Amino acid sequence: MNEHAFRVLEYDKVRDIVARYAASEPGRAEVLELLPAAGFSVVSERLGETRECLHILGSGHHPPLDGILDIRREVGKLAIP
């Protein structure tokens, strides 16, 4: 997708709105990095994930997302130099 399309669709504004609903800082950062998928397989996979989430939420179950901690720094310390 080119810059003109992003601007016309106000992609950055939509992405910012979605990011406000993230349950954690790492999740928010991931949303802000999202770009539209170009390949059929990626789009199909993402739609499947979306259907699965809607099914879970529609069944009355709510995943425990409160209190998710950002452990990226700690995990980074585990890296082998």
PDB file of N, CA and C in Angstrom:
ATOM      1  N   MET A   1       0.859  -1.168   0.000  1.00  0.00           N
ATOM      2  CA  MET A   1       0.000   0.000   0.000  1.00  0.00           C
ATOM      3  C   MET A   1       0.908   1.235   0.000  1.00  0.00           C
ATOM      4  N   ASN A   2       0.559   2.217  -0.788  1.00  0.00           N
ATOM      5  CA  ASN A   2       1.404   3.402  -0.880  1.00  0.00           C
ATOM      6  C   ASN A   2       0.967   4.484   0.116  1.00  0.00           C
ATOM      7  N   GLU A   3       1.807   5.502   0.226  1.00  0.00           N
ATOM      8  CA  GLU A   3       1.554   6.584   1.193  1.00  0.00           C
ATOM      9  C   GLU A   3       0.230   7.291   0.939  1.00  0.00           C
ATOM     10  N   HIS A   4      -0.108   7.478  -0.308  1.00  0.00           N
ATOM     11  CA  HIS A   4      -1.364   8.157  -0.635  1.00  0.00           C
ATOM     12  C   HIS A   4      -2.557   7.373  -0.082  1.00  0.00           C
ATOM     13  N   ALA A   5      -2.546   6.076  -0.263  1.00  0.00           N
ATOM     14  CA  ALA A   5      -3.638   5.236   0.242  1.00  0.00           C
ATOM     15  C   ALA A   5      -3.715   5.298   1.765  1.00  0.00           C
ATOM     16  N   PHE A   6      -2.559   5.240   2.429  1.00  0.00           N
ATOM     17  CA  PHE A   6      -2.550   5.352   3.899  1.00  0.00           C
ATOM     18  C   PHE A   6      -3.168   6.674   4.346  1.00  0.00           C
ATOM     19  N   ARG A   7      -2.818   7.730   3.652  1.00  0.00           N
ATOM     20  CA  ARG A   7      -3.314   9.064   4.012  1.00  0.00           C
ATOM     21  C   ARG A   7      -4.816   9.175   3.767  1.00  0.00           C
ATOM     22  N   VAL A   8      -5.276   8.710   2.613  1.00  0.00           N
ATOM     23  CA  VAL A   8      -6.694   8.793   2.267  1.00  0.00           C
ATOM     24  C   VAL A   8      -7.542   7.966   3.240  1.00  0.00           C
ATOM     25  N   LEU A   9      -7.047   6.791   3.607  1.00  0.00           N
ATOM     26  CA  LEU A   9      -7.780   5.913   4.528  1.00  0.00           C
ATOM     27  C   LEU A   9      -7.598   6.300   5.999  1.00  0.00           C
ATOM     28  N   GLU A  10      -6.744   7.313   6.237  1.00  0.00           N
ATOM     29  CA  GLU A  10      -6.423   7.761   7.597  1.00  0.00           C
ATOM     30  C   GLU A  10      -5.994   6.582   8.464  1.00  0.00           C
ATOM     31  N   TYR A  11      -5.123   5.759   7.883  1.00  0.00           N
ATOM     32  CA  TYR A  11      -4.670   4.540   8.536  1.00  0.00           C
ATOM     33  C   TYR A  11      -4.038   4.821   9.897  1.00  0.00           C
ATOM     34  N   ASP A  12      -3.226   5.869   9.992  1.00  0.00           N
ATOM     35  CA  ASP A  12      -2.569   6.174  11.263  1.00  0.00           C
ATOM     36  C   ASP A  12      -3.583   6.512  12.356  1.00  0.00           C
ATOM     37  N   LYS A  13      -4.660   7.191  12.008  1.00  0.00           N
ATOM     38  CA  LYS A  13      -5.687   7.529  12.996  1.00  0.00           C
ATOM     39  C   LYS A  13      -6.416   6.275  13.475  1.00  0.00           C
ATOM     40  N   VAL A  14      -6.746   5.398  12.545  1.00  0.00           N
ATOM     41  CA  VAL A  14      -7.426   4.152  12.912  1.00  0.00           C
ATOM     42  C   VAL A  14      -6.521   3.309  13.800  1.00  0.00           C
ATOM     43  N   ARG A  15      -5.256   3.191  13.427  1.00  0.00           N
ATOM     44  CA  ARG A  15      -4.286   2.412  14.206  1.00  0.00           C
ATOM     45  C   ARG A  15      -4.136   2.983  15.616  1.00  0.00           C
ATOM     46  N   ASP A  16      -4.108   4.305  15.741  1.00  0.00           N
ATOM     47  CA  ASP A  16      -3.994   4.942  17.064  1.00  0.00           C
ATOM     48  C   ASP A  16      -5.218   4.651  17.930  1.00  0.00           C
ATOM     49  N   ILE A  17      -6.387   4.646  17.323  1.00  0.00           N
ATOM     50  CA  ILE A  17      -7.612   4.342  18.072  1.00  0.00           C
ATOM     51  C   ILE A  17      -7.572   2.905  18.576  1.00  0.00           C
ATOM     52  N   VAL A  18      -7.185   1.976  17.715  1.00  0.00           N
ATOM     53  CA  VAL A  18      -7.096   0.569  18.110  1.00  0.00           C
ATOM     54  C   VAL A  18      -6.058   0.399  19.213  1.00  0.00           C
ATOM     55  N   ALA A  19      -4.939   1.088  19.111  1.00  0.00           N
ATOM     56  CA  ALA A  19      -3.861   0.966  20.105  1.00  0.00           C
ATOM     57  C   ALA A  19      -4.322   1.384  21.500  1.00  0.00           C
ATOM     58  N   ARG A  20      -5.263   2.293  21.575  1.00  0.00           N
ATOM     59  CA  ARG A  20      -5.776   2.732  22.883  1.00  0.00           C
ATOM     60  C   ARG A  20      -6.470   1.604  23.636  1.00  0.00           C
ATOM     61  N   TYR A  21      -6.934   0.596  22.923  1.00  0.00           N
ATOM     62  CA  TYR A  21      -7.639  -0.520  23.548  1.00  0.00           C
ATOM     63  C   TYR A  21      -6.715  -1.675  23.938  1.00  0.00           C
ATOM     64  N   ALA A  22      -5.436  -1.554  23.665  1.00  0.00           N
ATOM     65  CA  ALA A  22      -4.495  -2.619  24.017  1.00  0.00           C
ATOM     66  C   ALA A  22      -4.440  -2.786  25.529  1.00  0.00           C
ATOM     67  N   ALA A  23      -4.335  -4.034  25.971  1.00  0.00           N
ATOM     68  CA  ALA A  23      -4.338  -4.341  27.398  1.00  0.00           C
ATOM     69  C   ALA A  23      -2.952  -4.224  28.029  1.00  0.00           C
ATOM     70  N   SER A  24      -1.922  -4.027  27.215  1.00  0.00           N
ATOM     71  CA  SER A  24      -0.562  -3.925  27.756  1.00  0.00           C
ATOM     72  C   SER A  24       0.270  -3.013  26.864  1.00  0.00           C
ATOM     73  N   GLU A  25       1.381  -2.562  27.398  1.00  0.00           N
ATOM     74  CA  GLU A  25       2.276  -1.716  26.615  1.00  0.00           C
ATOM     75  C   GLU A  25       2.895  -2.486  25.449  1.00  0.00           C
ATOM     76  N   PRO A  26       3.326  -3.740  25.640  1.00  0.00           N
ATOM     77  CA  PRO A  26       3.828  -4.484  24.482  1.00  0.00           C
ATOM     78  C   PRO A  26       2.757  -4.661  23.405  1.00  0.00           C
ATOM     79  N   GLY A  27       1.518  -4.883  23.812  1.00  0.00           N
ATOM     80  CA  GLY A  27       0.432  -5.013  22.849  1.00  0.00           C
ATOM     81  C   GLY A  27       0.202  -3.725  22.093  1.00  0.00           C
ATOM     82  N   ARG A  28       0.264  -2.619  22.815  1.00  0.00           N
ATOM     83  CA  ARG A  28       0.097  -1.311  22.186  1.00  0.00           C
ATOM     84  C   ARG A  28       1.192  -1.071  21.158  1.00  0.00           C
ATOM     85  N   ALA A  29       2.432  -1.418  21.527  1.00  0.00           N
ATOM     86  CA  ALA A  29       3.560  -1.238  20.619  1.00  0.00           C
ATOM     87  C   ALA A  29       3.378  -2.100  19.358  1.00  0.00           C
ATOM     88  N   GLU A  30       2.880  -3.307  19.531  1.00  0.00           N
ATOM     89  CA  GLU A  30       2.639  -4.194  18.388  1.00  0.00           C
ATOM     90  C   GLU A  30       1.587  -3.606  17.451  1.00  0.00           C
ATOM     91  N   VAL A  31       0.515  -3.070  18.019  1.00  0.00           N
ATOM     92  CA  VAL A  31      -0.543  -2.472  17.203  1.00  0.00           C
ATOM     93  C   VAL A  31       0.012  -1.304  16.401  1.00  0.00           C
ATOM     94  N   LEU A  32       0.834  -0.477  17.037  1.00  0.00           N
ATOM     95  CA  LEU A  32       1.376   0.696  16.351  1.00  0.00           C
ATOM     96  C   LEU A  32       2.335   0.320  15.223  1.00  0.00           C
ATOM     97  N   GLU A  33       2.833  -0.907  15.224  1.00  0.00           N
ATOM     98  CA  GLU A  33       3.722  -1.376  14.162  1.00  0.00           C
ATOM     99  C   GLU A  33       2.975  -2.104  13.040  1.00  0.00           C
ATOM    100  N   LEU A  34       1.688  -2.370  13.232  1.00  0.00           N
ATOM    101  CA  LEU A  34       0.922  -3.141  12.248  1.00  0.00           C
ATOM    102  C   LEU A  34       0.806  -2.422  10.911  1.00  0.00           C
ATOM    103  N   LEU A  35       0.955  -3.209   9.870  1.00  0.00           N
ATOM    104  CA  LEU A  35       0.720  -2.728   8.513  1.00  0.00           C
ATOM    105  C   LEU A  35      -0.255  -3.686   7.849  1.00  0.00           C
ATOM    106  N   PRO A  36      -1.004  -3.220   6.866  1.00  0.00           N
ATOM    107  CA  PRO A  36      -1.926  -4.124   6.177  1.00  0.00           C
ATOM    108  C   PRO A  36      -1.167  -5.291   5.546  1.00  0.00           C
ATOM    109  N   ALA A  37      -1.759  -6.452   5.607  1.00  0.00           N
ATOM    110  CA  ALA A  37      -1.151  -7.635   5.006  1.00  0.00           C
ATOM    111  C   ALA A  37      -1.392  -7.631   3.508  1.00  0.00           C
ATOM    112  N   ALA A  38      -0.405  -8.105   2.761  1.00  0.00           N
ATOM    113  CA  ALA A  38      -0.535  -8.119   1.304  1.00  0.00           C
ATOM    114  C   ALA A  38      -0.875  -9.502   0.768  1.00  0.00           C
ATOM    115  N   GLY A  39      -0.458 -10.530   1.445  1.00  0.00           N
ATOM    116  CA  GLY A  39      -0.651 -11.874   0.926  1.00  0.00           C
ATOM    117  C   GLY A  39      -1.942 -12.517   1.399  1.00  0.00           C
ATOM    118  N   PHE A  40      -2.518 -13.346   0.537  1.00  0.00           N
ATOM    119  CA  PHE A  40      -3.781 -14.009   0.860  1.00  0.00           C
ATOM    120  C   PHE A  40      -3.650 -14.864   2.112  1.00  0.00           C
ATOM    121  N   SER A  41      -2.561 -15.608   2.247  1.00  0.00           N
ATOM    122  CA  SER A  41      -2.410 -16.512   3.393  1.00  0.00           C
ATOM    123  C   SER A  41      -2.348 -15.749   4.707  1.00  0.00           C
ATOM    124  N   VAL A  42      -1.671 -14.614   4.721  1.00  0.00           N
ATOM    125  CA  VAL A  42      -1.587 -13.808   5.952  1.00  0.00           C
ATOM    126  C   VAL A  42      -2.955 -13.236   6.301  1.00  0.00           C
ATOM    127  N   VAL A  43      -3.650 -12.710   5.306  1.00  0.00           N
ATOM    128  CA  VAL A  43      -4.985 -12.150   5.536  1.00  0.00           C
ATOM    129  C   VAL A  43      -5.926 -13.243   6.039  1.00  0.00           C
ATOM    130  N   SER A  44      -5.860 -14.402   5.427  1.00  0.00           N
ATOM    131  CA  SER A  44      -6.708 -15.518   5.831  1.00  0.00           C
ATOM    132  C   SER A  44      -6.417 -15.942   7.274  1.00  0.00           C
ATOM    133  N   GLU A  45      -5.142 -16.002   7.629  1.00  0.00           N
ATOM    134  CA  GLU A  45      -4.757 -16.367   8.996  1.00  0.00           C
ATOM    135  C   GLU A  45      -5.266 -15.338  10.007  1.00  0.00           C
ATOM    136  N   ARG A  46      -5.097 -14.067   9.697  1.00  0.00           N
ATOM    137  CA  ARG A  46      -5.555 -13.009  10.607  1.00  0.00           C
ATOM    138  C   ARG A  46      -7.072 -13.017  10.763  1.00  0.00           C
ATOM    139  N   LEU A  47      -7.789 -13.273   9.677  1.00  0.00           N
ATOM    140  CA  LEU A  47      -9.245 -13.362   9.770  1.00  0.00           C
ATOM    141  C   LEU A  47      -9.662 -14.555  10.626  1.00  0.00           C
ATOM    142  N   GLY A  48      -8.946 -15.654  10.513  1.00  0.00           N
ATOM    143  CA  GLY A  48      -9.219 -16.817  11.351  1.00  0.00           C
ATOM    144  C   GLY A  48      -9.003 -16.506  12.824  1.00  0.00           C
ATOM    145  N   GLU A  49      -7.931 -15.790  13.136  1.00  0.00           N
ATOM    146  CA  GLU A  49      -7.674 -15.386  14.523  1.00  0.00           C
ATOM    147  C   GLU A  49      -8.780 -14.465  15.035  1.00  0.00           C
ATOM    148  N   THR A  50      -9.230 -13.565  14.176  1.00  0.00           N
ATOM    149  CA  THR A  50     -10.302 -12.647  14.558  1.00  0.00           C
ATOM    150  C   THR A  50     -11.594 -13.410  14.827  1.00  0.00           C
ATOM    151  N   ARG A  51     -11.925 -14.370  13.960  1.00  0.00           N
ATOM    152  CA  ARG A  51     -13.122 -15.193  14.181  1.00  0.00           C
ATOM    153  C   ARG A  51     -13.030 -15.957  15.498  1.00  0.00           C
ATOM    154  N   GLU A  52     -11.851 -16.500  15.784  1.00  0.00           N
ATOM    155  CA  GLU A  52     -11.653 -17.248  17.030  1.00  0.00           C
ATOM    156  C   GLU A  52     -11.861 -16.346  18.249  1.00  0.00           C
ATOM    157  N   CYS A  53     -11.313 -15.140  18.208  1.00  0.00           N
ATOM    158  CA  CYS A  53     -11.495 -14.193  19.321  1.00  0.00           C
ATOM    159  C   CYS A  53     -12.958 -13.813  19.482  1.00  0.00           C
ATOM    160  N   LEU A  54     -13.636 -13.559  18.378  1.00  0.00           N
ATOM    161  CA  LEU A  54     -15.055 -13.211  18.448  1.00  0.00           C
ATOM    162  C   LEU A  54     -15.871 -14.365  19.020  1.00  0.00           C
ATOM    163  N   HIS A  55     -15.506 -15.585  18.662  1.00  0.00           N
ATOM    164  CA  HIS A  55     -16.193 -16.763  19.190  1.00  0.00           C
ATOM    165  C   HIS A  55     -15.999 -16.853  20.711  1.00  0.00           C
ATOM    166  N   ILE A  56     -14.773 -16.655  21.174  1.00  0.00           N
ATOM    167  CA  ILE A  56     -14.483 -16.709  22.611  1.00  0.00           C
ATOM    168  C   ILE A  56     -15.260 -15.628  23.344  1.00  0.00           C
ATOM    169  N   LEU A  57     -15.190 -14.406  22.846  1.00  0.00           N
ATOM    170  CA  LEU A  57     -15.892 -13.298  23.508  1.00  0.00           C
ATOM    171  C   LEU A  57     -17.406 -13.491  23.446  1.00  0.00           C
ATOM    172  N   GLY A  58     -17.908 -14.023  22.331  1.00  0.00           N
ATOM    173  CA  GLY A  58     -19.340 -14.259  22.174  1.00  0.00           C
ATOM    174  C   GLY A  58     -19.860 -15.355  23.080  1.00  0.00           C
ATOM    175  N   SER A  59     -18.973 -16.241  23.531  1.00  0.00           N
ATOM    176  CA  SER A  59     -19.394 -17.331  24.408  1.00  0.00           C
ATOM    177  C   SER A  59     -19.474 -16.895  25.870  1.00  0.00           C
ATOM    178  N   GLY A  60     -19.131 -15.632  26.121  1.00  0.00           N
ATOM    179  CA  GLY A  60     -19.203 -15.125  27.489  1.00  0.00           C
ATOM    180  C   GLY A  60     -17.901 -15.253  28.261  1.00  0.00           C
ATOM    181  N   HIS A  61     -16.906 -15.872  27.672  1.00  0.00           N
ATOM    182  CA  HIS A  61     -15.605 -15.998  28.328  1.00  0.00           C
ATOM    183  C   HIS A  61     -14.763 -14.767  28.010  1.00  0.00           C
ATOM    184  N   HIS A  62     -14.112 -14.268  29.006  1.00  0.00           N
ATOM    185  CA  HIS A  62     -13.250 -13.111  28.819  1.00  0.00           C
ATOM    186  C   HIS A  62     -11.861 -13.453  29.314  1.00  0.00           C
ATOM    187  N   PRO A  63     -10.894 -13.509  28.412  1.00  0.00           N
ATOM    188  CA  PRO A  63      -9.533 -13.851  28.816  1.00  0.00           C
ATOM    189  C   PRO A  63      -9.015 -12.865  29.855  1.00  0.00           C
ATOM    190  N   PRO A  64      -8.266 -13.355  30.839  1.00  0.00           N
ATOM    191  CA  PRO A  64      -7.741 -12.457  31.878  1.00  0.00           C
ATOM    192  C   PRO A  64      -6.567 -11.638  31.347  1.00  0.00           C
ATOM    193  N   LEU A  65      -6.851 -10.456  30.859  1.00  0.00           N
ATOM    194  CA  LEU A  65      -5.811  -9.612  30.277  1.00  0.00           C
ATOM    195  C   LEU A  65      -5.354  -8.499  31.211  1.00  0.00           C
ATOM    196  N   ASP A  66      -6.004  -8.362  32.344  1.00  0.00           N
ATOM    197  CA  ASP A  66      -5.606  -7.321  33.295  1.00  0.00           C
ATOM    198  C   ASP A  66      -4.264  -7.680  33.925  1.00  0.00           C
ATOM    199  N   GLY A  67      -3.440  -6.707  34.127  1.00  0.00           N
ATOM    200  CA  GLY A  67      -2.182  -6.916  34.836  1.00  0.00           C
ATOM    201  C   GLY A  67      -1.084  -7.560  34.014  1.00  0.00           C
ATOM    202  N   ILE A  68      -1.192  -7.498  32.690  1.00  0.00           N
ATOM    203  CA  ILE A  68      -0.120  -8.041  31.853  1.00  0.00           C
ATOM    204  C   ILE A  68       1.100  -7.141  32.019  1.00  0.00           C
ATOM    205  N   LEU A  69       2.211  -7.744  32.350  1.00  0.00           N
ATOM    206  CA  LEU A  69       3.435  -6.983  32.588  1.00  0.00           C
ATOM    207  C   LEU A  69       4.330  -6.992  31.355  1.00  0.00           C
ATOM    208  N   ASP A  70       5.087  -5.936  31.194  1.00  0.00           N
ATOM    209  CA  ASP A  70       6.055  -5.843  30.114  1.00  0.00           C
ATOM    210  C   ASP A  70       7.352  -6.483  30.600  1.00  0.00           C
ATOM    211  N   ILE A  71       7.638  -7.690  30.128  1.00  0.00           N
ATOM    212  CA  ILE A  71       8.832  -8.412  30.579  1.00  0.00           C
ATOM    213  C   ILE A  71       9.912  -8.463  29.498  1.00  0.00           C
ATOM    214  N   ARG A  72       9.807  -7.615  28.510  1.00  0.00           N
ATOM    215  CA  ARG A  72      10.785  -7.633  27.425  1.00  0.00           C
ATOM    216  C   ARG A  72      12.207  -7.395  27.929  1.00  0.00           C
ATOM    217  N   ARG A  73      12.392  -6.478  28.857  1.00  0.00           N
ATOM    218  CA  ARG A  73      13.732  -6.190  29.373  1.00  0.00           C
ATOM    219  C   ARG A  73      14.314  -7.417  30.065  1.00  0.00           C
ATOM    220  N   GLU A  74      13.484  -8.071  30.899  1.00  0.00           N
ATOM    221  CA  GLU A  74      13.950  -9.251  31.614  1.00  0.00           C
ATOM    222  C   GLU A  74      14.296 -10.389  30.660  1.00  0.00           C
ATOM    223  N   VAL A  75      13.460 -10.579  29.665  1.00  0.00           N
ATOM    224  CA  VAL A  75      13.707 -11.633  28.678  1.00  0.00           C
ATOM    225  C   VAL A  75      14.985 -11.306  27.898  1.00  0.00           C
ATOM    226  N   GLY A  76      15.197 -10.042  27.600  1.00  0.00           N
ATOM    227  CA  GLY A  76      16.417  -9.623  26.897  1.00  0.00           C
ATOM    228  C   GLY A  76      17.676  -9.951  27.668  1.00  0.00           C
ATOM    229  N   LYS A  77      17.594  -9.916  28.987  1.00  0.00           N
ATOM    230  CA  LYS A  77      18.763 -10.258  29.815  1.00  0.00           C
ATOM    231  C   LYS A  77      19.135 -11.728  29.687  1.00  0.00           C
ATOM    232  N   LEU A  78      18.207 -12.557  29.255  1.00  0.00           N
ATOM    233  CA  LEU A  78      18.454 -13.983  29.112  1.00  0.00           C
ATOM    234  C   LEU A  78      19.169 -14.349  27.819  1.00  0.00           C
ATOM    235  N   ALA A  79      19.299 -13.383  26.936  1.00  0.00           N
ATOM    236  CA  ALA A  79      19.914 -13.651  25.644  1.00  0.00           C
ATOM    237  C   ALA A  79      21.382 -14.065  25.804  1.00  0.00           C
ATOM    238  N   ILE A  80      21.802 -14.988  24.969  1.00  0.00           N
ATOM    239  CA  ILE A  80      23.184 -15.446  24.988  1.00  0.00           C
ATOM    240  C   ILE A  80      23.994 -14.518  24.091  1.00  0.00           C
ATOM    241  N   PRO A  81      25.074 -13.913  24.655  1.00  0.00           N
ATOM    242  CA  PRO A  81      25.877 -12.979  23.852  1.00  0.00           C
ATOM    243  C   PRO A  81      26.619 -13.676  22.720  1.00  0.00           C
TER     244      PRO A  81
END
